[in-house]
Amino acid sequence: MIYLVISKKGISIWGVLVAYNSIGAFDYLHGLMVQWTDPLVPNGIMGTPELTFGSIGFSLLVQLGVIYLLFKKPVVDYFSID
């Protein structure tokens, strides 16, 4: 994704970025739901449920922030230029 952003422009690249981040946000949301219904049992190797909730929740917020930024006018205008 980083390579596409740096090397290419176009509304199709913008669409790919929106799709990629939307699927990522959906995946993190699904991870939170799974953690909620079937919490991680600490076993000394894996992290705690709190750490899992925190890391997945933070990643979800980052994905949602990126989606929000992708719909800002300057970003859309940047990718609209061919």
PDB file of N, CA and C in Angstrom:
ATOM      1  N   MET A   1       0.817  -1.174   0.000  1.00  0.00           N
ATOM      2  CA  MET A   1       0.000   0.000   0.000  1.00  0.00           C
ATOM      3  C   MET A   1       0.873   1.255   0.000  1.00  0.00           C
ATOM      4  N   ILE A   2       1.916   1.227   0.786  1.00  0.00           N
ATOM      5  CA  ILE A   2       2.800   2.396   0.837  1.00  0.00           C
ATOM      6  C   ILE A   2       3.423   2.642  -0.525  1.00  0.00           C
ATOM      7  N   TYR A   3       3.823   1.576  -1.206  1.00  0.00           N
ATOM      8  CA  TYR A   3       4.399   1.715  -2.539  1.00  0.00           C
ATOM      9  C   TYR A   3       3.398   2.365  -3.495  1.00  0.00           C
ATOM     10  N   LEU A   4       2.140   1.943  -3.443  1.00  0.00           N
ATOM     11  CA  LEU A   4       1.129   2.533  -4.312  1.00  0.00           C
ATOM     12  C   LEU A   4       0.947   4.016  -4.040  1.00  0.00           C
ATOM     13  N   VAL A   5       0.906   4.388  -2.771  1.00  0.00           N
ATOM     14  CA  VAL A   5       0.702   5.794  -2.417  1.00  0.00           C
ATOM     15  C   VAL A   5       1.866   6.649  -2.898  1.00  0.00           C
ATOM     16  N   ILE A   6       3.077   6.132  -2.774  1.00  0.00           N
ATOM     17  CA  ILE A   6       4.253   6.910  -3.148  1.00  0.00           C
ATOM     18  C   ILE A   6       4.437   6.958  -4.661  1.00  0.00           C
ATOM     19  N   SER A   7       4.196   5.853  -5.332  1.00  0.00           N
ATOM     20  CA  SER A   7       4.565   5.776  -6.748  1.00  0.00           C
ATOM     21  C   SER A   7       3.449   6.125  -7.719  1.00  0.00           C
ATOM     22  N   LYS A   8       2.201   6.036  -7.320  1.00  0.00           N
ATOM     23  CA  LYS A   8       1.115   6.238  -8.271  1.00  0.00           C
ATOM     24  C   LYS A   8       0.067   7.186  -7.714  1.00  0.00           C
ATOM     25  N   LYS A   9      -0.678   7.794  -8.629  1.00  0.00           N
ATOM     26  CA  LYS A   9      -1.829   8.608  -8.275  1.00  0.00           C
ATOM     27  C   LYS A   9      -3.003   8.112  -9.086  1.00  0.00           C
ATOM     28  N   GLY A  10      -4.144   8.615  -8.797  1.00  0.00           N
ATOM     29  CA  GLY A  10      -5.345   8.238  -9.535  1.00  0.00           C
ATOM     30  C   GLY A  10      -6.449   7.854  -8.577  1.00  0.00           C
ATOM     31  N   ILE A  11      -7.661   8.052  -9.048  1.00  0.00           N
ATOM     32  CA  ILE A  11      -8.809   7.774  -8.194  1.00  0.00           C
ATOM     33  C   ILE A  11      -8.930   6.274  -7.914  1.00  0.00           C
ATOM     34  N   SER A  12      -8.408   5.428  -8.807  1.00  0.00           N
ATOM     35  CA  SER A  12      -8.452   3.989  -8.548  1.00  0.00           C
ATOM     36  C   SER A  12      -7.552   3.616  -7.370  1.00  0.00           C
ATOM     37  N   ILE A  13      -6.406   4.275  -7.240  1.00  0.00           N
ATOM     38  CA  ILE A  13      -5.537   4.032  -6.078  1.00  0.00           C
ATOM     39  C   ILE A  13      -6.239   4.476  -4.804  1.00  0.00           C
ATOM     40  N   TRP A  14      -6.934   5.611  -4.867  1.00  0.00           N
ATOM     41  CA  TRP A  14      -7.703   6.094  -3.718  1.00  0.00           C
ATOM     42  C   TRP A  14      -8.763   5.060  -3.331  1.00  0.00           C
ATOM     43  N   GLY A  15      -9.438   4.499  -4.328  1.00  0.00           N
ATOM     44  CA  GLY A  15     -10.448   3.482  -4.060  1.00  0.00           C
ATOM     45  C   GLY A  15      -9.861   2.236  -3.426  1.00  0.00           C
ATOM     46  N   VAL A  16      -8.690   1.829  -3.901  1.00  0.00           N
ATOM     47  CA  VAL A  16      -8.016   0.667  -3.311  1.00  0.00           C
ATOM     48  C   VAL A  16      -7.662   0.945  -1.857  1.00  0.00           C
ATOM     49  N   LEU A  17      -7.194   2.158  -1.566  1.00  0.00           N
ATOM     50  CA  LEU A  17      -6.844   2.508  -0.188  1.00  0.00           C
ATOM     51  C   LEU A  17      -8.077   2.522   0.717  1.00  0.00           C
ATOM     52  N   VAL A  18      -9.184   3.048   0.207  1.00  0.00           N
ATOM     53  CA  VAL A  18     -10.424   3.052   0.992  1.00  0.00           C
ATOM     54  C   VAL A  18     -10.871   1.616   1.261  1.00  0.00           C
ATOM     55  N   ALA A  19     -10.847   0.778   0.233  1.00  0.00           N
ATOM     56  CA  ALA A  19     -11.254  -0.620   0.409  1.00  0.00           C
ATOM     57  C   ALA A  19     -10.337  -1.346   1.382  1.00  0.00           C
ATOM     58  N   TYR A  20      -9.027  -1.160   1.223  1.00  0.00           N
ATOM     59  CA  TYR A  20      -8.046  -1.833   2.093  1.00  0.00           C
ATOM     60  C   TYR A  20      -8.272  -1.460   3.558  1.00  0.00           C
ATOM     61  N   ASN A  21      -8.453  -0.178   3.823  1.00  0.00           N
ATOM     62  CA  ASN A  21      -8.639   0.268   5.205  1.00  0.00           C
ATOM     63  C   ASN A  21     -10.018  -0.097   5.742  1.00  0.00           C
ATOM     64  N   SER A  22     -11.032  -0.134   4.890  1.00  0.00           N
ATOM     65  CA  SER A  22     -12.364  -0.550   5.330  1.00  0.00           C
ATOM     66  C   SER A  22     -12.374  -2.022   5.713  1.00  0.00           C
ATOM     67  N   ILE A  23     -11.728  -2.854   4.890  1.00  0.00           N
ATOM     68  CA  ILE A  23     -11.641  -4.277   5.218  1.00  0.00           C
ATOM     69  C   ILE A  23     -10.829  -4.470   6.495  1.00  0.00           C
ATOM     70  N   GLY A  24      -9.763  -3.690   6.665  1.00  0.00           N
ATOM     71  CA  GLY A  24      -8.964  -3.771   7.879  1.00  0.00           C
ATOM     72  C   GLY A  24      -9.770  -3.385   9.118  1.00  0.00           C
ATOM     73  N   ALA A  25     -10.562  -2.313   8.997  1.00  0.00           N
ATOM     74  CA  ALA A  25     -11.387  -1.890  10.134  1.00  0.00           C
ATOM     75  C   ALA A  25     -12.426  -2.958  10.476  1.00  0.00           C
ATOM     76  N   PHE A  26     -13.028  -3.550   9.433  1.00  0.00           N
ATOM     77  CA  PHE A  26     -13.997  -4.624   9.665  1.00  0.00           C
ATOM     78  C   PHE A  26     -13.332  -5.804  10.369  1.00  0.00           C
ATOM     79  N   ASP A  27     -12.119  -6.136   9.954  1.00  0.00           N
ATOM     80  CA  ASP A  27     -11.390  -7.247  10.562  1.00  0.00           C
ATOM     81  C   ASP A  27     -11.089  -6.966  12.035  1.00  0.00           C
ATOM     82  N   TYR A  28     -10.651  -5.749  12.346  1.00  0.00           N
ATOM     83  CA  TYR A  28     -10.383  -5.406  13.743  1.00  0.00           C
ATOM     84  C   TYR A  28     -11.666  -5.404  14.566  1.00  0.00           C
ATOM     85  N   LEU A  29     -12.766  -4.931  13.990  1.00  0.00           N
ATOM     86  CA  LEU A  29     -14.041  -4.951  14.702  1.00  0.00           C
ATOM     87  C   LEU A  29     -14.466  -6.393  14.977  1.00  0.00           C
ATOM     88  N   HIS A  30     -14.261  -7.251  14.003  1.00  0.00           N
ATOM     89  CA  HIS A  30     -14.559  -8.665  14.203  1.00  0.00           C
ATOM     90  C   HIS A  30     -13.673  -9.252  15.303  1.00  0.00           C
ATOM     91  N   GLY A  31     -12.407  -8.859  15.324  1.00  0.00           N
ATOM     92  CA  GLY A  31     -11.503  -9.321  16.377  1.00  0.00           C
ATOM     93  C   GLY A  31     -11.968  -8.899  17.759  1.00  0.00           C
ATOM     94  N   LEU A  32     -12.479  -7.671  17.868  1.00  0.00           N
ATOM     95  CA  LEU A  32     -13.019  -7.220  19.160  1.00  0.00           C
ATOM     96  C   LEU A  32     -14.248  -8.030  19.561  1.00  0.00           C
ATOM     97  N   MET A  33     -15.108  -8.325  18.586  1.00  0.00           N
ATOM     98  CA  MET A  33     -16.301  -9.124  18.907  1.00  0.00           C
ATOM     99  C   MET A  33     -15.920 -10.525  19.348  1.00  0.00           C
ATOM    100  N   VAL A  34     -14.936 -11.115  18.694  1.00  0.00           N
ATOM    101  CA  VAL A  34     -14.485 -12.453  19.090  1.00  0.00           C
ATOM    102  C   VAL A  34     -13.868 -12.405  20.480  1.00  0.00           C
ATOM    103  N   GLN A  35     -13.087 -11.393  20.751  1.00  0.00           N
ATOM    104  CA  GLN A  35     -12.482 -11.253  22.081  1.00  0.00           C
ATOM    105  C   GLN A  35     -13.562 -11.064  23.143  1.00  0.00           C
ATOM    106  N   TRP A  36     -14.632 -10.369  22.793  1.00  0.00           N
ATOM    107  CA  TRP A  36     -15.724 -10.130  23.737  1.00  0.00           C
ATOM    108  C   TRP A  36     -16.477 -11.433  24.034  1.00  0.00           C
ATOM    109  N   THR A  37     -16.748 -12.231  22.996  1.00  0.00           N
ATOM    110  CA  THR A  37     -17.539 -13.445  23.189  1.00  0.00           C
ATOM    111  C   THR A  37     -16.706 -14.630  23.674  1.00  0.00           C
ATOM    112  N   ASP A  38     -15.431 -14.655  23.319  1.00  0.00           N
ATOM    113  CA  ASP A  38     -14.560 -15.776  23.711  1.00  0.00           C
ATOM    114  C   ASP A  38     -13.211 -15.205  24.143  1.00  0.00           C
ATOM    115  N   PRO A  39     -13.147 -14.640  25.355  1.00  0.00           N
ATOM    116  CA  PRO A  39     -11.934 -13.932  25.775  1.00  0.00           C
ATOM    117  C   PRO A  39     -10.697 -14.832  25.829  1.00  0.00           C
ATOM    118  N   LEU A  40      -9.569 -14.201  25.567  1.00  0.00           N
ATOM    119  CA  LEU A  40      -8.278 -14.866  25.649  1.00  0.00           C
ATOM    120  C   LEU A  40      -8.006 -15.254  27.096  1.00  0.00           C
ATOM    121  N   VAL A  41      -7.598 -16.481  27.296  1.00  0.00           N
ATOM    122  CA  VAL A  41      -7.252 -16.953  28.636  1.00  0.00           C
ATOM    123  C   VAL A  41      -5.749 -16.817  28.795  1.00  0.00           C
ATOM    124  N   PRO A  42      -5.296 -15.988  29.746  1.00  0.00           N
ATOM    125  CA  PRO A  42      -3.847 -15.831  29.925  1.00  0.00           C
ATOM    126  C   PRO A  42      -3.209 -17.164  30.292  1.00  0.00           C
ATOM    127  N   ASN A  43      -2.148 -17.526  29.574  1.00  0.00           N
ATOM    128  CA  ASN A  43      -1.489 -18.800  29.847  1.00  0.00           C
ATOM    129  C   ASN A  43       0.018 -18.641  30.024  1.00  0.00           C
ATOM    130  N   GLY A  44       0.483 -17.431  30.182  1.00  0.00           N
ATOM    131  CA  GLY A  44       1.903 -17.199  30.372  1.00  0.00           C
ATOM    132  C   GLY A  44       2.651 -16.949  29.079  1.00  0.00           C
ATOM    133  N   ILE A  45       2.082 -17.356  27.954  1.00  0.00           N
ATOM    134  CA  ILE A  45       2.718 -17.138  26.658  1.00  0.00           C
ATOM    135  C   ILE A  45       2.041 -15.981  25.934  1.00  0.00           C
ATOM    136  N   MET A  46       0.722 -16.007  25.919  1.00  0.00           N
ATOM    137  CA  MET A  46      -0.053 -14.960  25.248  1.00  0.00           C
ATOM    138  C   MET A  46      -0.264 -13.795  26.209  1.00  0.00           C
ATOM    139  N   GLY A  47      -0.734 -12.690  25.672  1.00  0.00           N
ATOM    140  CA  GLY A  47      -1.002 -11.517  26.494  1.00  0.00           C
ATOM    141  C   GLY A  47      -2.293 -11.664  27.283  1.00  0.00           C
ATOM    142  N   THR A  48      -2.623 -10.628  27.984  1.00  0.00           N
ATOM    143  CA  THR A  48      -3.848 -10.617  28.780  1.00  0.00           C
ATOM    144  C   THR A  48      -5.017 -10.146  27.917  1.00  0.00           C
ATOM    145  N   PRO A  49      -6.255 -10.398  28.360  1.00  0.00           N
ATOM    146  CA  PRO A  49      -7.407  -9.892  27.613  1.00  0.00           C
ATOM    147  C   PRO A  49      -7.391  -8.365  27.474  1.00  0.00           C
ATOM    148  N   GLU A  50      -6.921  -7.677  28.484  1.00  0.00           N
ATOM    149  CA  GLU A  50      -6.857  -6.216  28.429  1.00  0.00           C
ATOM    150  C   GLU A  50      -5.898  -5.750  27.341  1.00  0.00           C
ATOM    151  N   LEU A  51      -4.758  -6.408  27.251  1.00  0.00           N
ATOM    152  CA  LEU A  51      -3.778  -6.073  26.225  1.00  0.00           C
ATOM    153  C   LEU A  51      -4.350  -6.345  24.835  1.00  0.00           C
ATOM    154  N   THR A  52      -5.064  -7.445  24.707  1.00  0.00           N
ATOM    155  CA  THR A  52      -5.678  -7.784  23.421  1.00  0.00           C
ATOM    156  C   THR A  52      -6.732  -6.754  23.037  1.00  0.00           C
ATOM    157  N   PHE A  53      -7.633  -6.412  23.981  1.00  0.00           N
ATOM    158  CA  PHE A  53      -8.633  -5.381  23.712  1.00  0.00           C
ATOM    159  C   PHE A  53      -7.969  -4.061  23.345  1.00  0.00           C
ATOM    160  N   GLY A  54      -6.939  -3.701  24.081  1.00  0.00           N
ATOM    161  CA  GLY A  54      -6.266  -2.424  23.839  1.00  0.00           C
ATOM    162  C   GLY A  54      -5.590  -2.362  22.490  1.00  0.00           C
ATOM    163  N   SER A  55      -4.878  -3.403  22.117  1.00  0.00           N
ATOM    164  CA  SER A  55      -4.156  -3.382  20.848  1.00  0.00           C
ATOM    165  C   SER A  55      -5.105  -3.443  19.659  1.00  0.00           C
ATOM    166  N   ILE A  56      -6.120  -4.285  19.729  1.00  0.00           N
ATOM    167  CA  ILE A  56      -7.085  -4.360  18.635  1.00  0.00           C
ATOM    168  C   ILE A  56      -7.898  -3.071  18.559  1.00  0.00           C
ATOM    169  N   GLY A  57      -8.294  -2.539  19.714  1.00  0.00           N
ATOM    170  CA  GLY A  57      -9.053  -1.288  19.741  1.00  0.00           C
ATOM    171  C   GLY A  57      -8.261  -0.124  19.184  1.00  0.00           C
ATOM    172  N   PHE A  58      -6.989  -0.046  19.537  1.00  0.00           N
ATOM    173  CA  PHE A  58      -6.137   1.025  19.014  1.00  0.00           C
ATOM    174  C   PHE A  58      -5.989   0.903  17.497  1.00  0.00           C
ATOM    175  N   SER A  59      -5.770  -0.312  17.025  1.00  0.00           N
ATOM    176  CA  SER A  59      -5.630  -0.518  15.586  1.00  0.00           C
ATOM    177  C   SER A  59      -6.917  -0.175  14.849  1.00  0.00           C
ATOM    178  N   LEU A  60      -8.065  -0.487  15.434  1.00  0.00           N
ATOM    179  CA  LEU A  60      -9.348  -0.122  14.835  1.00  0.00           C
ATOM    180  C   LEU A  60      -9.477   1.394  14.741  1.00  0.00           C
ATOM    181  N   LEU A  61      -9.095   2.103  15.798  1.00  0.00           N
ATOM    182  CA  LEU A  61      -9.170   3.563  15.768  1.00  0.00           C
ATOM    183  C   LEU A  61      -8.243   4.156  14.709  1.00  0.00           C
ATOM    184  N   VAL A  62      -7.077   3.582  14.542  1.00  0.00           N
ATOM    185  CA  VAL A  62      -6.152   4.055  13.506  1.00  0.00           C
ATOM    186  C   VAL A  62      -6.766   3.843  12.123  1.00  0.00           C
ATOM    187  N   GLN A  63      -7.334   2.664  11.890  1.00  0.00           N
ATOM    188  CA  GLN A  63      -7.970   2.386  10.599  1.00  0.00           C
ATOM    189  C   GLN A  63      -9.115   3.360  10.330  1.00  0.00           C
ATOM    190  N   LEU A  64      -9.954   3.606  11.327  1.00  0.00           N
ATOM    191  CA  LEU A  64     -11.064   4.551  11.151  1.00  0.00           C
ATOM    192  C   LEU A  64     -10.559   5.964  10.902  1.00  0.00           C
ATOM    193  N   GLY A  65      -9.458   6.340  11.575  1.00  0.00           N
ATOM    194  CA  GLY A  65      -8.864   7.653  11.337  1.00  0.00           C
ATOM    195  C   GLY A  65      -8.337   7.794   9.914  1.00  0.00           C
ATOM    196  N   VAL A  66      -7.726   6.741   9.403  1.00  0.00           N
ATOM    197  CA  VAL A  66      -7.216   6.765   8.025  1.00  0.00           C
ATOM    198  C   VAL A  66      -8.378   6.872   7.042  1.00  0.00           C
ATOM    199  N   ILE A  67      -9.455   6.133   7.286  1.00  0.00           N
ATOM    200  CA  ILE A  67     -10.627   6.220   6.402  1.00  0.00           C
ATOM    201  C   ILE A  67     -11.185   7.636   6.419  1.00  0.00           C
ATOM    202  N   TYR A  68     -11.271   8.235   7.588  1.00  0.00           N
ATOM    203  CA  TYR A  68     -11.743   9.618   7.705  1.00  0.00           C
ATOM    204  C   TYR A  68     -10.852  10.559   6.897  1.00  0.00           C
ATOM    205  N   LEU A  69      -9.541  10.407   7.031  1.00  0.00           N
ATOM    206  CA  LEU A  69      -8.616  11.274   6.304  1.00  0.00           C
ATOM    207  C   LEU A  69      -8.695  11.060   4.798  1.00  0.00           C
ATOM    208  N   LEU A  70      -8.936   9.836   4.370  1.00  0.00           N
ATOM    209  CA  LEU A  70      -9.041   9.574   2.935  1.00  0.00           C
ATOM    210  C   LEU A  70     -10.219  10.300   2.294  1.00  0.00           C
ATOM    211  N   PHE A  71     -11.240  10.628   3.069  1.00  0.00           N
ATOM    212  CA  PHE A  71     -12.393  11.328   2.521  1.00  0.00           C
ATOM    213  C   PHE A  71     -12.301  12.847   2.655  1.00  0.00           C
ATOM    214  N   LYS A  72     -11.200  13.356   3.187  1.00  0.00           N
ATOM    215  CA  LYS A  72     -10.998  14.806   3.251  1.00  0.00           C
ATOM    216  C   LYS A  72     -10.728  15.322   1.840  1.00  0.00           C
ATOM    217  N   LYS A  73     -11.222  16.521   1.538  1.00  0.00           N
ATOM    218  CA  LYS A  73     -11.116  17.075   0.194  1.00  0.00           C
ATOM    219  C   LYS A  73      -9.687  17.168  -0.329  1.00  0.00           C
ATOM    220  N   PRO A  74      -8.708  17.634   0.450  1.00  0.00           N
ATOM    221  CA  PRO A  74      -7.345  17.691  -0.104  1.00  0.00           C
ATOM    222  C   PRO A  74      -6.792  16.321  -0.506  1.00  0.00           C
ATOM    223  N   VAL A  75      -7.140  15.289   0.231  1.00  0.00           N
ATOM    224  CA  VAL A  75      -6.655  13.946  -0.099  1.00  0.00           C
ATOM    225  C   VAL A  75      -7.341  13.435  -1.367  1.00  0.00           C
ATOM    226  N   VAL A  76      -8.651  13.619  -1.455  1.00  0.00           N
ATOM    227  CA  VAL A  76      -9.371  13.209  -2.660  1.00  0.00           C
ATOM    228  C   VAL A  76      -8.826  13.976  -3.876  1.00  0.00           C
ATOM    229  N   ASP A  77      -8.595  15.279  -3.713  1.00  0.00           N
ATOM    230  CA  ASP A  77      -8.052  16.083  -4.809  1.00  0.00           C
ATOM    231  C   ASP A  77      -6.658  15.596  -5.214  1.00  0.00           C
ATOM    232  N   TYR A  78      -5.837  15.209  -4.254  1.00  0.00           N
ATOM    233  CA  TYR A  78      -4.495  14.710  -4.545  1.00  0.00           C
ATOM    234  C   TYR A  78      -4.556  13.465  -5.423  1.00  0.00           C
ATOM    235  N   PHE A  79      -5.448  12.546  -5.097  1.00  0.00           N
ATOM    236  CA  PHE A  79      -5.545  11.316  -5.854  1.00  0.00           C
ATOM    237  C   PHE A  79      -6.352  11.489  -7.149  1.00  0.00           C
ATOM    238  N   SER A  80      -7.128  12.553  -7.272  1.00  0.00           N
ATOM    239  CA  SER A  80      -7.908  12.786  -8.488  1.00  0.00           C
ATOM    240  C   SER A  80      -7.052  13.276  -9.644  1.00  0.00           C
ATOM    241  N   ILE A  81      -5.883  13.806  -9.342  1.00  0.00           N
ATOM    242  CA  ILE A  81      -4.989  14.326 -10.374  1.00  0.00           C
ATOM    243  C   ILE A  81      -4.248  13.146 -11.008  1.00  0.00           C
ATOM    244  N   ASP A  82      -4.338  13.039 -12.308  1.00  0.00           N
ATOM    245  CA  ASP A  82      -3.621  11.957 -13.003  1.00  0.00           C
ATOM    246  C   ASP A  82      -2.352  12.461 -13.624  1.00  0.00           C
TER     247      ASP A  82
END
